[in-house]
Amino acid sequence: MIWESFGSVVLGLALSWAALRSLPDRLPSVRAVFLTGALGALFGAYLTHSALGTGHPVATLAGAVFVGTVTLSLLIRPRSRRLARSAAAQ
């Protein structure tokens, strides 16, 4: 379980790095992204390990990647664009 935890945190940090490289202007601070990716992957590993039990390290890491990706996707902000006001609001 120790190696699964360590591996999931490393995978979460790698996911965070990839997200920051591909969407730098649509994510909050670097610190928040790395923390969210690591903790999301760690929670995913815990959840998958609890559901499947011991003896499934690849599936546990796959669950960590999945939950880490979903958690990071919650941080993505919409593209910045100016909202058009309606004629009634002006």
N, C-alpha and C. Protein backbone atom coordinates (compact mmCIF):
# COMPACT_ATOMS: atom_id res chain seq x y z
N MET A 1 0.82 -1.20 0.00
CA MET A 1 0.00 0.00 0.00
C MET A 1 0.86 1.26 0.00
N ILE A 2 2.05 1.19 0.60
CA ILE A 2 2.93 2.35 0.63
C ILE A 2 3.36 2.72 -0.79
N TRP A 3 3.74 1.72 -1.58
CA TRP A 3 4.19 1.99 -2.94
C TRP A 3 3.04 2.47 -3.82
N GLU A 4 1.84 1.97 -3.58
CA GLU A 4 0.68 2.45 -4.33
C GLU A 4 0.41 3.91 -3.99
N SER A 5 0.54 4.27 -2.73
CA SER A 5 0.34 5.66 -2.32
C SER A 5 1.39 6.57 -2.94
N PHE A 6 2.63 6.15 -2.85
CA PHE A 6 3.72 6.95 -3.43
C PHE A 6 3.54 7.08 -4.94
N GLY A 7 3.21 5.99 -5.60
CA GLY A 7 3.00 6.02 -7.05
C GLY A 7 1.83 6.89 -7.45
N SER A 8 0.77 6.87 -6.65
CA SER A 8 -0.40 7.70 -6.99
C SER A 8 -0.08 9.18 -6.83
N VAL A 9 0.70 9.53 -5.82
CA VAL A 9 1.08 10.93 -5.65
C VAL A 9 1.97 11.39 -6.81
N VAL A 10 2.89 10.54 -7.22
CA VAL A 10 3.75 10.89 -8.35
C VAL A 10 2.92 11.04 -9.63
N LEU A 11 1.97 10.14 -9.84
CA LEU A 11 1.10 10.26 -11.01
C LEU A 11 0.23 11.52 -10.93
N GLY A 12 -0.24 11.87 -9.75
CA GLY A 12 -1.02 13.09 -9.58
C GLY A 12 -0.19 14.33 -9.87
N LEU A 13 1.06 14.33 -9.45
CA LEU A 13 1.94 15.46 -9.75
C LEU A 13 2.24 15.53 -11.25
N ALA A 14 2.39 14.38 -11.89
CA ALA A 14 2.62 14.37 -13.34
C ALA A 14 1.39 14.88 -14.09
N LEU A 15 0.20 14.50 -13.63
CA LEU A 15 -1.03 15.02 -14.24
C LEU A 15 -1.13 16.53 -14.06
N SER A 16 -0.77 17.01 -12.89
CA SER A 16 -0.80 18.45 -12.62
C SER A 16 0.17 19.19 -13.53
N TRP A 17 1.36 18.64 -13.70
CA TRP A 17 2.34 19.27 -14.56
C TRP A 17 1.83 19.33 -16.00
N ALA A 18 1.23 18.23 -16.46
CA ALA A 18 0.69 18.20 -17.81
C ALA A 18 -0.45 19.20 -17.98
N ALA A 19 -1.28 19.33 -16.96
CA ALA A 19 -2.38 20.29 -17.04
C ALA A 19 -1.85 21.72 -17.08
N LEU A 20 -0.84 21.99 -16.29
CA LEU A 20 -0.26 23.34 -16.29
C LEU A 20 0.45 23.66 -17.59
N ARG A 21 1.02 22.66 -18.23
CA ARG A 21 1.69 22.89 -19.51
C ARG A 21 0.68 23.12 -20.63
N SER A 22 -0.47 22.46 -20.58
CA SER A 22 -1.43 22.58 -21.67
C SER A 22 -2.46 23.70 -21.47
N LEU A 23 -2.78 24.03 -20.23
CA LEU A 23 -3.79 25.06 -19.95
C LEU A 23 -3.29 26.07 -18.91
N PRO A 24 -2.20 26.76 -19.15
CA PRO A 24 -1.66 27.63 -18.10
C PRO A 24 -2.54 28.82 -17.75
N ASP A 25 -3.27 29.35 -18.73
CA ASP A 25 -4.08 30.54 -18.48
C ASP A 25 -5.46 30.23 -17.92
N ARG A 26 -5.85 28.96 -17.89
CA ARG A 26 -7.19 28.61 -17.44
C ARG A 26 -7.20 27.91 -16.08
N LEU A 27 -6.06 27.86 -15.41
CA LEU A 27 -5.96 27.20 -14.11
C LEU A 27 -5.57 28.21 -13.04
N PRO A 28 -5.92 27.96 -11.79
CA PRO A 28 -5.49 28.87 -10.71
C PRO A 28 -4.00 28.72 -10.45
N SER A 29 -3.56 29.08 -9.29
CA SER A 29 -2.13 29.10 -8.97
C SER A 29 -1.50 27.70 -9.11
N VAL A 30 -0.22 27.70 -9.37
CA VAL A 30 0.53 26.46 -9.56
C VAL A 30 0.45 25.59 -8.30
N ARG A 31 0.56 26.22 -7.16
CA ARG A 31 0.50 25.50 -5.88
C ARG A 31 -0.82 24.77 -5.71
N ALA A 32 -1.91 25.43 -6.04
CA ALA A 32 -3.23 24.81 -5.90
C ALA A 32 -3.41 23.65 -6.87
N VAL A 33 -2.87 23.77 -8.07
CA VAL A 33 -3.00 22.71 -9.07
C VAL A 33 -2.21 21.48 -8.64
N PHE A 34 -0.97 21.67 -8.19
CA PHE A 34 -0.17 20.53 -7.76
C PHE A 34 -0.78 19.86 -6.52
N LEU A 35 -1.27 20.65 -5.59
CA LEU A 35 -1.89 20.08 -4.39
C LEU A 35 -3.16 19.31 -4.74
N THR A 36 -3.98 19.86 -5.61
CA THR A 36 -5.22 19.20 -6.00
C THR A 36 -4.93 17.91 -6.76
N GLY A 37 -3.96 17.93 -7.65
CA GLY A 37 -3.63 16.73 -8.41
C GLY A 37 -3.11 15.61 -7.53
N ALA A 38 -2.21 15.96 -6.60
CA ALA A 38 -1.65 14.94 -5.71
C ALA A 38 -2.70 14.37 -4.77
N LEU A 39 -3.49 15.24 -4.15
CA LEU A 39 -4.51 14.76 -3.21
C LEU A 39 -5.64 14.02 -3.92
N GLY A 40 -6.01 14.46 -5.12
CA GLY A 40 -7.03 13.76 -5.89
C GLY A 40 -6.60 12.36 -6.27
N ALA A 41 -5.34 12.23 -6.69
CA ALA A 41 -4.82 10.91 -7.05
C ALA A 41 -4.68 10.02 -5.82
N LEU A 42 -4.27 10.60 -4.70
CA LEU A 42 -4.15 9.82 -3.47
C LEU A 42 -5.52 9.33 -3.01
N PHE A 43 -6.53 10.17 -3.10
CA PHE A 43 -7.88 9.76 -2.75
C PHE A 43 -8.39 8.69 -3.71
N GLY A 44 -8.07 8.83 -5.00
CA GLY A 44 -8.48 7.83 -5.98
C GLY A 44 -7.84 6.48 -5.70
N ALA A 45 -6.58 6.49 -5.30
CA ALA A 45 -5.91 5.23 -4.96
C ALA A 45 -6.54 4.60 -3.72
N TYR A 46 -6.85 5.43 -2.74
CA TYR A 46 -7.50 4.91 -1.53
C TYR A 46 -8.87 4.33 -1.86
N LEU A 47 -9.62 5.03 -2.66
CA LEU A 47 -10.97 4.58 -3.02
C LEU A 47 -10.92 3.27 -3.81
N THR A 48 -10.03 3.21 -4.78
CA THR A 48 -9.92 2.00 -5.60
C THR A 48 -9.38 0.83 -4.79
N HIS A 49 -8.40 1.10 -3.94
CA HIS A 49 -7.85 0.03 -3.10
C HIS A 49 -8.90 -0.50 -2.12
N SER A 50 -9.73 0.40 -1.61
CA SER A 50 -10.80 -0.03 -0.70
C SER A 50 -11.85 -0.86 -1.42
N ALA A 51 -12.13 -0.52 -2.66
CA ALA A 51 -13.15 -1.25 -3.41
C ALA A 51 -12.66 -2.60 -3.90
N LEU A 52 -11.41 -2.67 -4.36
CA LEU A 52 -10.90 -3.91 -4.96
C LEU A 52 -10.13 -4.79 -3.99
N GLY A 53 -9.54 -4.21 -2.98
CA GLY A 53 -8.73 -4.97 -2.05
C GLY A 53 -7.29 -5.03 -2.50
N THR A 54 -6.50 -5.82 -1.81
CA THR A 54 -5.08 -5.92 -2.14
C THR A 54 -4.88 -6.81 -3.36
N GLY A 55 -3.73 -6.65 -4.00
CA GLY A 55 -3.40 -7.49 -5.13
C GLY A 55 -3.78 -6.92 -6.48
N HIS A 56 -4.18 -5.67 -6.53
CA HIS A 56 -4.55 -5.03 -7.79
C HIS A 56 -3.82 -3.69 -7.93
N PRO A 57 -2.50 -3.69 -8.00
CA PRO A 57 -1.78 -2.41 -8.02
C PRO A 57 -2.01 -1.60 -9.30
N VAL A 58 -2.13 -2.25 -10.43
CA VAL A 58 -2.33 -1.52 -11.69
C VAL A 58 -3.71 -0.88 -11.70
N ALA A 59 -4.71 -1.60 -11.25
CA ALA A 59 -6.06 -1.03 -11.19
C ALA A 59 -6.14 0.10 -10.18
N THR A 60 -5.41 -0.03 -9.09
CA THR A 60 -5.39 1.02 -8.08
C THR A 60 -4.78 2.29 -8.65
N LEU A 61 -3.69 2.15 -9.38
CA LEU A 61 -3.07 3.33 -9.99
C LEU A 61 -3.94 3.91 -11.10
N ALA A 62 -4.66 3.05 -11.82
CA ALA A 62 -5.58 3.55 -12.84
C ALA A 62 -6.72 4.35 -12.19
N GLY A 63 -7.22 3.88 -11.07
CA GLY A 63 -8.23 4.63 -10.33
C GLY A 63 -7.69 5.95 -9.82
N ALA A 64 -6.42 5.95 -9.40
CA ALA A 64 -5.80 7.19 -8.94
C ALA A 64 -5.70 8.20 -10.07
N VAL A 65 -5.32 7.74 -11.25
CA VAL A 65 -5.23 8.64 -12.41
C VAL A 65 -6.60 9.17 -12.78
N PHE A 66 -7.60 8.31 -12.76
CA PHE A 66 -8.95 8.74 -13.12
C PHE A 66 -9.47 9.81 -12.16
N VAL A 67 -9.40 9.55 -10.86
CA VAL A 67 -9.93 10.51 -9.89
C VAL A 67 -9.08 11.78 -9.88
N GLY A 68 -7.77 11.65 -10.05
CA GLY A 68 -6.92 12.83 -10.13
C GLY A 68 -7.26 13.71 -11.32
N THR A 69 -7.55 13.08 -12.46
CA THR A 69 -7.93 13.83 -13.65
C THR A 69 -9.26 14.54 -13.46
N VAL A 70 -10.21 13.84 -12.87
CA VAL A 70 -11.52 14.45 -12.62
C VAL A 70 -11.38 15.63 -11.64
N THR A 71 -10.59 15.47 -10.62
CA THR A 71 -10.40 16.53 -9.64
C THR A 71 -9.73 17.74 -10.28
N LEU A 72 -8.73 17.51 -11.12
CA LEU A 72 -8.08 18.63 -11.80
C LEU A 72 -9.01 19.32 -12.79
N SER A 73 -9.90 18.56 -13.39
CA SER A 73 -10.82 19.17 -14.36
C SER A 73 -11.78 20.15 -13.68
N LEU A 74 -11.99 19.97 -12.39
CA LEU A 74 -12.87 20.91 -11.67
C LEU A 74 -12.23 22.27 -11.48
N LEU A 75 -10.91 22.37 -11.64
CA LEU A 75 -10.22 23.65 -11.48
C LEU A 75 -10.20 24.49 -12.75
N ILE A 76 -10.52 23.91 -13.89
CA ILE A 76 -10.42 24.63 -15.16
C ILE A 76 -11.49 25.71 -15.22
N ARG A 77 -11.03 26.92 -15.50
CA ARG A 77 -11.93 28.06 -15.63
C ARG A 77 -12.31 28.24 -17.09
N PRO A 78 -13.46 28.83 -17.35
CA PRO A 78 -13.83 29.08 -18.74
C PRO A 78 -12.88 30.09 -19.39
N ARG A 79 -12.86 30.08 -20.70
CA ARG A 79 -12.02 31.05 -21.41
C ARG A 79 -12.49 32.46 -21.09
N SER A 80 -11.55 33.36 -20.93
CA SER A 80 -11.92 34.73 -20.61
C SER A 80 -12.44 35.41 -21.88
N ARG A 81 -13.62 35.88 -21.80
CA ARG A 81 -14.21 36.64 -22.90
C ARG A 81 -15.14 37.67 -22.30
N ARG A 82 -15.30 38.71 -23.00
CA ARG A 82 -16.15 39.80 -22.52
C ARG A 82 -17.60 39.44 -22.79
N LEU A 83 -18.41 39.55 -21.76
CA LEU A 83 -19.83 39.25 -21.91
C LEU A 83 -20.55 40.42 -22.55
N ALA A 84 -21.39 40.13 -23.49
CA ALA A 84 -22.17 41.16 -24.15
C ALA A 84 -23.40 41.48 -23.30
N ARG A 85 -23.64 42.72 -23.13
CA ARG A 85 -24.83 43.12 -22.36
C ARG A 85 -26.03 43.23 -23.28
N SER A 86 -27.17 42.91 -22.72
CA SER A 86 -28.39 43.03 -23.52
C SER A 86 -28.79 44.50 -23.62
N ALA A 87 -29.66 44.81 -24.54
CA ALA A 87 -30.11 46.20 -24.74
C ALA A 87 -30.87 46.70 -23.54
N ALA A 88 -31.58 45.83 -22.84
CA ALA A 88 -32.35 46.24 -21.68
C ALA A 88 -31.45 46.59 -20.49
N ALA A 89 -30.30 45.99 -20.41
CA ALA A 89 -29.40 46.24 -19.30
C ALA A 89 -28.59 47.52 -19.48
N GLN A 90 -28.51 48.04 -20.68
CA GLN A 90 -27.70 49.23 -20.94
C GLN A 90 -28.43 50.47 -20.68
